[in-house]
Amino acid sequence: MVDEFKDAFRGHPAGVAIITASGPEGPVGLTASSVSSVSAVPPILAFSLASTQGSAGVIAASDTIVVHLLGSGNAGLAALFAARGSERFGPDLDWSTLPGGEPLLGGVPRALVCRILSRTQAGSSTLMAAAVLEIHAGPAAEPLVYHDRTYHRLGSHSALELP
């Protein structure tokens, strides 16, 4: 059933985000396709972490994080933060540090600064709920979507006309 479950979700597209946090050894981040809106009033989002090691472990233990909602021009950034062992915050990366110490990536359509509300074990993953404290708007862009292990762009070219 595990393979069938994975196959089912490979056919279900998801938006792409990068989640960053400040760790004891510096900034960390990872690519996530599990980010979803939970509540508009107050603004709350959720995401899951499949590990408690490395960057995911630092994010799971953090009080505050930044969720960067990516646009189609950020596919390279998504791939960088998805690759194990990559130097994510190298000298060529456009990023800064917010007053709370969280790393903020430049050039993304939206960045949501969040405070973690809860951590819930769900099978082998940790489900995280976070309150959105502030939103940084960047350049407008078509959304980046992950489908069947590939990045895609959504836009007017992909809109369907309904009868």
N, C-alpha and C. Protein backbone atom coordinates (compact mmCIF):
# COMPACT_ATOMS: atom_id res chain seq x y z
N MET A 1 0.81 -1.19 0.00
CA MET A 1 0.00 0.00 0.00
C MET A 1 0.86 1.27 0.00
N VAL A 2 2.08 1.22 0.53
CA VAL A 2 2.95 2.40 0.56
C VAL A 2 3.23 2.89 -0.86
N ASP A 3 3.59 2.00 -1.76
CA ASP A 3 3.87 2.40 -3.14
C ASP A 3 2.64 2.96 -3.83
N GLU A 4 1.48 2.37 -3.58
CA GLU A 4 0.23 2.88 -4.17
C GLU A 4 -0.08 4.27 -3.63
N PHE A 5 0.16 4.48 -2.34
CA PHE A 5 -0.07 5.79 -1.73
C PHE A 5 0.85 6.84 -2.37
N LYS A 6 2.12 6.51 -2.51
CA LYS A 6 3.07 7.43 -3.14
C LYS A 6 2.67 7.71 -4.58
N ASP A 7 2.26 6.69 -5.32
CA ASP A 7 1.82 6.87 -6.71
C ASP A 7 0.60 7.79 -6.78
N ALA A 8 -0.32 7.63 -5.84
CA ALA A 8 -1.52 8.48 -5.82
C ALA A 8 -1.13 9.95 -5.69
N PHE A 9 -0.20 10.24 -4.79
CA PHE A 9 0.18 11.63 -4.58
C PHE A 9 1.13 12.16 -5.65
N ARG A 10 1.80 11.29 -6.38
CA ARG A 10 2.60 11.76 -7.53
C ARG A 10 1.68 12.36 -8.59
N GLY A 11 0.45 11.89 -8.64
CA GLY A 11 -0.52 12.41 -9.60
C GLY A 11 -1.33 13.57 -9.07
N HIS A 12 -1.04 14.01 -7.85
CA HIS A 12 -1.76 15.13 -7.23
C HIS A 12 -0.79 16.30 -7.08
N PRO A 13 -0.91 17.33 -7.93
CA PRO A 13 0.05 18.43 -7.89
C PRO A 13 -0.02 19.23 -6.59
N ALA A 14 1.11 19.81 -6.23
CA ALA A 14 1.20 20.60 -5.00
C ALA A 14 2.05 21.83 -5.23
N GLY A 15 1.71 22.91 -4.55
CA GLY A 15 2.54 24.10 -4.58
C GLY A 15 3.89 23.81 -3.93
N VAL A 16 4.88 24.62 -4.28
CA VAL A 16 6.24 24.41 -3.78
C VAL A 16 6.64 25.58 -2.88
N ALA A 17 7.23 25.26 -1.75
CA ALA A 17 7.69 26.26 -0.79
C ALA A 17 9.07 25.88 -0.29
N ILE A 18 9.77 26.85 0.24
CA ILE A 18 11.01 26.60 0.98
C ILE A 18 10.77 27.12 2.39
N ILE A 19 11.09 26.29 3.36
CA ILE A 19 10.93 26.67 4.77
C ILE A 19 12.33 26.88 5.34
N THR A 20 12.54 28.04 5.97
CA THR A 20 13.84 28.36 6.54
C THR A 20 13.71 28.65 8.03
N ALA A 21 14.82 28.48 8.73
CA ALA A 21 14.89 28.78 10.16
C ALA A 21 16.34 29.07 10.50
N SER A 22 16.52 29.68 11.65
CA SER A 22 17.86 29.92 12.16
C SER A 22 18.20 28.80 13.13
N GLY A 23 19.35 28.17 12.91
CA GLY A 23 19.79 27.08 13.78
C GLY A 23 21.03 27.46 14.55
N PRO A 24 21.45 26.62 15.47
CA PRO A 24 22.63 26.90 16.27
C PRO A 24 23.91 27.00 15.44
N GLU A 25 23.93 26.37 14.27
CA GLU A 25 25.11 26.42 13.40
C GLU A 25 24.87 27.29 12.17
N GLY A 26 23.81 28.10 12.19
CA GLY A 26 23.52 28.98 11.07
C GLY A 26 22.17 28.69 10.45
N PRO A 27 21.88 29.34 9.33
CA PRO A 27 20.58 29.18 8.70
C PRO A 27 20.41 27.80 8.07
N VAL A 28 19.17 27.31 8.08
CA VAL A 28 18.83 26.04 7.44
C VAL A 28 17.58 26.25 6.60
N GLY A 29 17.36 25.33 5.66
CA GLY A 29 16.16 25.41 4.85
C GLY A 29 15.94 24.13 4.09
N LEU A 30 14.70 23.92 3.68
CA LEU A 30 14.35 22.74 2.88
C LEU A 30 13.18 23.06 1.98
N THR A 31 13.06 22.30 0.91
CA THR A 31 11.95 22.44 -0.01
C THR A 31 10.80 21.57 0.49
N ALA A 32 9.59 22.11 0.43
CA ALA A 32 8.40 21.39 0.90
C ALA A 32 7.26 21.54 -0.09
N SER A 33 6.52 20.47 -0.29
CA SER A 33 5.31 20.55 -1.11
C SER A 33 4.07 20.23 -0.27
N SER A 34 4.22 20.25 1.05
CA SER A 34 3.12 19.90 1.95
C SER A 34 2.49 21.11 2.63
N VAL A 35 2.87 22.33 2.24
CA VAL A 35 2.35 23.53 2.89
C VAL A 35 0.90 23.75 2.46
N SER A 36 0.04 24.02 3.44
CA SER A 36 -1.36 24.32 3.11
C SER A 36 -1.93 25.34 4.08
N SER A 37 -2.93 26.04 3.61
CA SER A 37 -3.65 27.00 4.42
C SER A 37 -4.59 26.24 5.36
N VAL A 38 -4.64 26.66 6.61
CA VAL A 38 -5.52 26.03 7.58
C VAL A 38 -6.66 26.98 7.96
N SER A 39 -6.31 28.24 8.21
CA SER A 39 -7.29 29.23 8.66
C SER A 39 -6.89 30.60 8.14
N ALA A 40 -7.88 31.40 7.73
CA ALA A 40 -7.60 32.78 7.33
C ALA A 40 -7.71 33.73 8.51
N VAL A 41 -8.59 33.41 9.48
CA VAL A 41 -8.78 34.25 10.65
C VAL A 41 -8.72 33.37 11.89
N PRO A 42 -7.63 33.39 12.63
CA PRO A 42 -6.36 34.03 12.32
C PRO A 42 -5.62 33.23 11.25
N PRO A 43 -4.64 33.87 10.57
CA PRO A 43 -3.91 33.15 9.51
C PRO A 43 -3.00 32.06 10.09
N ILE A 44 -3.31 30.83 9.71
CA ILE A 44 -2.54 29.66 10.16
C ILE A 44 -2.29 28.77 8.97
N LEU A 45 -1.08 28.22 8.91
CA LEU A 45 -0.73 27.26 7.87
C LEU A 45 -0.20 25.99 8.52
N ALA A 46 -0.08 24.95 7.70
CA ALA A 46 0.45 23.68 8.20
C ALA A 46 1.38 23.09 7.16
N PHE A 47 2.30 22.25 7.62
CA PHE A 47 3.18 21.50 6.73
C PHE A 47 3.68 20.29 7.50
N SER A 48 4.26 19.34 6.78
CA SER A 48 4.79 18.16 7.45
C SER A 48 6.28 18.04 7.18
N LEU A 49 6.95 17.43 8.14
CA LEU A 49 8.38 17.14 8.04
C LEU A 49 8.55 15.63 8.13
N ALA A 50 9.25 15.05 7.17
CA ALA A 50 9.42 13.60 7.13
C ALA A 50 10.58 13.12 7.99
N SER A 51 11.33 14.05 8.58
CA SER A 51 12.51 13.68 9.35
C SER A 51 12.66 14.61 10.54
N THR A 52 13.42 14.17 11.52
CA THR A 52 13.79 15.05 12.63
C THR A 52 15.30 15.22 12.66
N GLN A 53 15.95 14.94 11.55
CA GLN A 53 17.40 15.07 11.41
C GLN A 53 17.72 16.27 10.52
N GLY A 54 18.95 16.75 10.59
CA GLY A 54 19.42 17.80 9.70
C GLY A 54 18.56 19.05 9.74
N SER A 55 18.33 19.64 8.56
CA SER A 55 17.55 20.88 8.47
C SER A 55 16.14 20.69 9.01
N ALA A 56 15.52 19.56 8.71
CA ALA A 56 14.16 19.31 9.19
C ALA A 56 14.12 19.30 10.72
N GLY A 57 15.12 18.74 11.34
CA GLY A 57 15.18 18.72 12.80
C GLY A 57 15.30 20.11 13.39
N VAL A 58 16.11 20.96 12.75
CA VAL A 58 16.26 22.34 13.22
C VAL A 58 14.93 23.09 13.07
N ILE A 59 14.27 22.91 11.92
CA ILE A 59 12.98 23.56 11.69
C ILE A 59 11.95 23.06 12.70
N ALA A 60 11.92 21.76 12.94
CA ALA A 60 10.96 21.18 13.89
C ALA A 60 11.15 21.74 15.30
N ALA A 61 12.37 22.08 15.65
CA ALA A 61 12.65 22.58 17.00
C ALA A 61 12.56 24.10 17.11
N SER A 62 12.41 24.79 16.00
CA SER A 62 12.40 26.26 16.00
C SER A 62 11.09 26.82 16.52
N ASP A 63 11.17 28.01 17.10
CA ASP A 63 9.97 28.73 17.52
C ASP A 63 9.38 29.54 16.38
N THR A 64 10.27 30.06 15.50
CA THR A 64 9.82 30.84 14.35
C THR A 64 10.50 30.34 13.09
N ILE A 65 9.80 30.47 11.97
CA ILE A 65 10.28 30.03 10.67
C ILE A 65 9.82 31.02 9.61
N VAL A 66 10.33 30.85 8.39
CA VAL A 66 9.81 31.60 7.25
C VAL A 66 9.41 30.59 6.18
N VAL A 67 8.18 30.70 5.71
CA VAL A 67 7.67 29.85 4.63
C VAL A 67 7.65 30.70 3.36
N HIS A 68 8.49 30.33 2.40
CA HIS A 68 8.61 31.06 1.14
C HIS A 68 7.78 30.35 0.08
N LEU A 69 6.74 31.01 -0.44
CA LEU A 69 5.91 30.43 -1.48
C LEU A 69 6.54 30.78 -2.82
N LEU A 70 6.92 29.76 -3.59
CA LEU A 70 7.75 29.95 -4.77
C LEU A 70 6.95 30.18 -6.04
N GLY A 71 7.59 30.93 -6.95
CA GLY A 71 7.06 31.15 -8.29
C GLY A 71 7.84 30.34 -9.29
N SER A 72 7.38 30.34 -10.52
CA SER A 72 8.00 29.50 -11.56
C SER A 72 9.47 29.84 -11.79
N GLY A 73 9.87 31.06 -11.54
CA GLY A 73 11.27 31.45 -11.70
C GLY A 73 12.16 30.94 -10.57
N ASN A 74 11.57 30.31 -9.57
CA ASN A 74 12.33 29.82 -8.41
C ASN A 74 12.58 28.32 -8.46
N ALA A 75 12.41 27.67 -9.61
CA ALA A 75 12.60 26.21 -9.70
C ALA A 75 14.03 25.82 -9.33
N GLY A 76 15.01 26.59 -9.74
CA GLY A 76 16.40 26.30 -9.38
C GLY A 76 16.62 26.39 -7.88
N LEU A 77 15.98 27.35 -7.25
CA LEU A 77 16.07 27.52 -5.80
C LEU A 77 15.43 26.32 -5.10
N ALA A 78 14.28 25.88 -5.61
CA ALA A 78 13.61 24.70 -5.05
C ALA A 78 14.51 23.47 -5.15
N ALA A 79 15.14 23.30 -6.30
CA ALA A 79 16.04 22.15 -6.49
C ALA A 79 17.24 22.23 -5.55
N LEU A 80 17.80 23.43 -5.36
CA LEU A 80 18.93 23.61 -4.46
C LEU A 80 18.57 23.19 -3.03
N PHE A 81 17.43 23.65 -2.54
CA PHE A 81 17.03 23.35 -1.16
C PHE A 81 16.49 21.93 -1.00
N ALA A 82 16.24 21.23 -2.12
CA ALA A 82 15.81 19.83 -2.06
C ALA A 82 16.99 18.87 -2.09
N ALA A 83 18.15 19.33 -2.58
CA ALA A 83 19.31 18.46 -2.74
C ALA A 83 20.02 18.24 -1.40
N ARG A 84 20.24 16.98 -1.07
CA ARG A 84 20.97 16.66 0.17
C ARG A 84 22.42 17.12 0.07
N GLY A 85 22.88 17.73 1.16
CA GLY A 85 24.28 18.11 1.24
C GLY A 85 24.67 19.35 0.45
N SER A 86 23.69 20.04 -0.16
CA SER A 86 24.04 21.22 -0.94
C SER A 86 24.32 22.41 -0.02
N GLU A 87 25.17 23.31 -0.48
CA GLU A 87 25.45 24.54 0.28
C GLU A 87 24.32 25.51 -0.03
N ARG A 88 23.34 25.56 0.84
CA ARG A 88 22.11 26.31 0.58
C ARG A 88 22.26 27.81 0.78
N PHE A 89 23.06 28.23 1.70
CA PHE A 89 23.19 29.66 1.98
C PHE A 89 24.58 30.15 1.59
N GLY A 90 24.99 29.81 0.37
CA GLY A 90 26.29 30.20 -0.15
C GLY A 90 26.34 31.68 -0.50
N PRO A 91 27.51 32.14 -0.92
CA PRO A 91 27.70 33.57 -1.20
C PRO A 91 26.89 34.07 -2.40
N ASP A 92 26.46 33.19 -3.29
CA ASP A 92 25.71 33.62 -4.47
C ASP A 92 24.20 33.67 -4.23
N LEU A 93 23.75 33.22 -3.07
CA LEU A 93 22.32 33.19 -2.79
C LEU A 93 21.85 34.55 -2.28
N ASP A 94 20.72 35.03 -2.83
CA ASP A 94 20.10 36.29 -2.40
C ASP A 94 19.27 36.01 -1.14
N TRP A 95 19.83 36.39 0.02
CA TRP A 95 19.10 36.20 1.27
C TRP A 95 19.56 37.23 2.29
N SER A 96 18.74 37.42 3.32
CA SER A 96 19.08 38.34 4.40
C SER A 96 18.54 37.74 5.70
N THR A 97 18.88 38.38 6.80
CA THR A 97 18.43 37.92 8.11
C THR A 97 17.40 38.91 8.65
N LEU A 98 16.24 38.39 9.04
CA LEU A 98 15.21 39.22 9.64
C LEU A 98 15.60 39.59 11.07
N PRO A 99 14.96 40.61 11.66
CA PRO A 99 15.30 41.02 13.03
C PRO A 99 15.22 39.87 14.06
N GLY A 100 14.34 38.89 13.82
CA GLY A 100 14.22 37.75 14.73
C GLY A 100 15.26 36.67 14.49
N GLY A 101 16.12 36.87 13.47
CA GLY A 101 17.18 35.92 13.16
C GLY A 101 16.85 34.94 12.05
N GLU A 102 15.61 34.94 11.57
CA GLU A 102 15.21 34.00 10.52
C GLU A 102 15.78 34.41 9.17
N PRO A 103 16.21 33.42 8.36
CA PRO A 103 16.69 33.73 7.01
C PRO A 103 15.53 33.99 6.05
N LEU A 104 15.63 35.09 5.31
CA LEU A 104 14.63 35.49 4.32
C LEU A 104 15.26 35.41 2.94
N LEU A 105 14.69 34.60 2.07
CA LEU A 105 15.18 34.46 0.69
C LEU A 105 14.64 35.58 -0.17
N GLY A 106 15.48 36.13 -1.04
CA GLY A 106 15.04 37.17 -1.96
C GLY A 106 14.49 36.57 -3.24
N GLY A 107 13.71 37.37 -3.96
CA GLY A 107 13.24 36.96 -5.27
C GLY A 107 12.10 35.96 -5.29
N VAL A 108 11.40 35.80 -4.16
CA VAL A 108 10.25 34.88 -4.12
C VAL A 108 8.97 35.71 -4.02
N PRO A 109 7.85 35.20 -4.56
CA PRO A 109 6.61 35.97 -4.56
C PRO A 109 6.08 36.33 -3.17
N ARG A 110 6.15 35.40 -2.23
CA ARG A 110 5.66 35.66 -0.88
C ARG A 110 6.52 34.92 0.13
N ALA A 111 6.76 35.57 1.26
CA ALA A 111 7.47 34.95 2.38
C ALA A 111 6.64 35.23 3.63
N LEU A 112 6.26 34.18 4.32
CA LEU A 112 5.40 34.27 5.50
C LEU A 112 6.21 33.95 6.75
N VAL A 113 6.38 34.93 7.60
CA VAL A 113 7.09 34.73 8.87
C VAL A 113 6.07 34.14 9.84
N CYS A 114 6.44 33.02 10.46
CA CYS A 114 5.48 32.27 11.27
C CYS A 114 6.04 31.89 12.64
N ARG A 115 5.13 31.74 13.59
CA ARG A 115 5.44 31.21 14.91
C ARG A 115 4.81 29.83 15.00
N ILE A 116 5.59 28.84 15.40
CA ILE A 116 5.09 27.47 15.49
C ILE A 116 4.06 27.38 16.62
N LEU A 117 2.90 26.82 16.31
CA LEU A 117 1.84 26.62 17.29
C LEU A 117 1.83 25.22 17.87
N SER A 118 2.09 24.22 17.00
CA SER A 118 2.02 22.84 17.48
C SER A 118 2.86 21.92 16.61
N ARG A 119 3.26 20.82 17.23
CA ARG A 119 4.00 19.74 16.56
C ARG A 119 3.28 18.45 16.93
N THR A 120 2.81 17.72 15.92
CA THR A 120 2.04 16.50 16.17
C THR A 120 2.65 15.36 15.38
N GLN A 121 2.97 14.27 16.07
CA GLN A 121 3.46 13.08 15.35
C GLN A 121 2.30 12.49 14.56
N ALA A 122 2.55 12.23 13.30
CA ALA A 122 1.55 11.63 12.41
C ALA A 122 2.27 10.56 11.60
N GLY A 123 2.21 9.33 12.06
CA GLY A 123 2.96 8.26 11.42
C GLY A 123 4.44 8.54 11.57
N SER A 124 5.18 8.46 10.47
CA SER A 124 6.62 8.71 10.53
C SER A 124 6.97 10.18 10.34
N SER A 125 5.98 11.05 10.21
CA SER A 125 6.20 12.47 9.99
C SER A 125 5.75 13.30 11.19
N THR A 126 6.14 14.58 11.16
CA THR A 126 5.69 15.54 12.16
C THR A 126 4.86 16.59 11.45
N LEU A 127 3.62 16.76 11.89
CA LEU A 127 2.73 17.77 11.34
C LEU A 127 2.91 19.04 12.15
N MET A 128 3.25 20.12 11.46
CA MET A 128 3.53 21.40 12.11
C MET A 128 2.42 22.39 11.76
N ALA A 129 1.90 23.09 12.76
CA ALA A 129 0.95 24.18 12.54
C ALA A 129 1.64 25.47 12.97
N ALA A 130 1.45 26.53 12.18
CA ALA A 130 2.15 27.78 12.46
C ALA A 130 1.24 28.98 12.19
N ALA A 131 1.30 29.97 13.09
CA ALA A 131 0.57 31.22 12.93
C ALA A 131 1.41 32.17 12.09
N VAL A 132 0.79 32.80 11.11
CA VAL A 132 1.49 33.76 10.26
C VAL A 132 1.53 35.10 10.98
N LEU A 133 2.74 35.62 11.19
CA LEU A 133 2.94 36.88 11.90
C LEU A 133 3.05 38.07 10.96
N GLU A 134 3.70 37.86 9.82
CA GLU A 134 3.84 38.92 8.82
C GLU A 134 4.11 38.29 7.46
N ILE A 135 3.80 39.07 6.42
CA ILE A 135 3.98 38.59 5.05
C ILE A 135 4.82 39.59 4.28
N HIS A 136 5.87 39.09 3.64
CA HIS A 136 6.73 39.91 2.78
C HIS A 136 6.37 39.60 1.33
N ALA A 137 6.00 40.62 0.58
CA ALA A 137 5.64 40.45 -0.83
C ALA A 137 6.86 40.71 -1.70
N GLY A 138 7.09 39.83 -2.66
CA GLY A 138 8.17 39.97 -3.62
C GLY A 138 7.61 40.13 -5.02
N PRO A 139 8.38 39.78 -6.02
CA PRO A 139 7.92 39.93 -7.40
C PRO A 139 6.77 38.98 -7.74
N ALA A 140 5.80 39.48 -8.48
CA ALA A 140 4.69 38.64 -8.93
C ALA A 140 5.23 37.57 -9.88
N ALA A 141 4.67 36.37 -9.79
CA ALA A 141 5.13 35.28 -10.64
C ALA A 141 4.05 34.22 -10.75
N GLU A 142 4.11 33.46 -11.84
CA GLU A 142 3.23 32.30 -11.96
C GLU A 142 3.67 31.29 -10.91
N PRO A 143 2.73 30.54 -10.32
CA PRO A 143 3.09 29.59 -9.26
C PRO A 143 3.94 28.43 -9.76
N LEU A 144 4.79 27.95 -8.88
CA LEU A 144 5.59 26.75 -9.13
C LEU A 144 4.85 25.57 -8.50
N VAL A 145 4.68 24.51 -9.28
CA VAL A 145 3.94 23.33 -8.83
C VAL A 145 4.81 22.09 -9.02
N TYR A 146 4.68 21.15 -8.10
CA TYR A 146 5.41 19.89 -8.19
C TYR A 146 4.41 18.79 -8.51
N HIS A 147 4.67 18.07 -9.61
CA HIS A 147 3.76 17.01 -10.05
C HIS A 147 4.58 15.90 -10.69
N ASP A 148 4.40 14.68 -10.23
CA ASP A 148 5.07 13.50 -10.77
C ASP A 148 6.59 13.70 -10.86
N ARG A 149 7.16 14.17 -9.73
CA ARG A 149 8.61 14.37 -9.57
C ARG A 149 9.21 15.43 -10.51
N THR A 150 8.37 16.36 -10.97
CA THR A 150 8.83 17.40 -11.90
C THR A 150 8.20 18.73 -11.51
N TYR A 151 8.95 19.82 -11.67
CA TYR A 151 8.43 21.16 -11.45
C TYR A 151 7.67 21.62 -12.69
N HIS A 152 6.56 22.33 -12.45
CA HIS A 152 5.73 22.86 -13.52
C HIS A 152 5.35 24.30 -13.19
N ARG A 153 4.95 25.02 -14.23
CA ARG A 153 4.49 26.41 -14.08
C ARG A 153 2.99 26.43 -14.35
N LEU A 154 2.24 27.11 -13.50
CA LEU A 154 0.83 27.34 -13.76
C LEU A 154 0.65 28.77 -14.24
N GLY A 155 -0.25 28.95 -15.16
CA GLY A 155 -0.52 30.29 -15.66
C GLY A 155 -1.74 30.28 -16.55
N SER A 156 -1.96 31.37 -17.25
CA SER A 156 -3.14 31.46 -18.12
C SER A 156 -3.13 30.36 -19.18
N HIS A 157 -1.93 29.91 -19.59
CA HIS A 157 -1.84 28.84 -20.59
C HIS A 157 -2.39 27.51 -20.08
N SER A 158 -2.49 27.34 -18.78
CA SER A 158 -2.95 26.07 -18.23
C SER A 158 -4.39 26.15 -17.69
N ALA A 159 -5.04 27.31 -17.82
CA ALA A 159 -6.40 27.47 -17.32
C ALA A 159 -7.38 26.71 -18.22
N LEU A 160 -8.32 26.04 -17.61
CA LEU A 160 -9.36 25.31 -18.32
C LEU A 160 -10.63 26.12 -18.39
N GLU A 161 -11.31 26.07 -19.52
CA GLU A 161 -12.60 26.73 -19.63
C GLU A 161 -13.67 25.75 -19.23
N LEU A 162 -14.54 26.17 -18.35
CA LEU A 162 -15.63 25.32 -17.90
C LEU A 162 -16.89 25.67 -18.69
N PRO A 163 -17.74 24.68 -18.90
CA PRO A 163 -18.98 24.94 -19.67
C PRO A 163 -19.92 25.85 -18.90
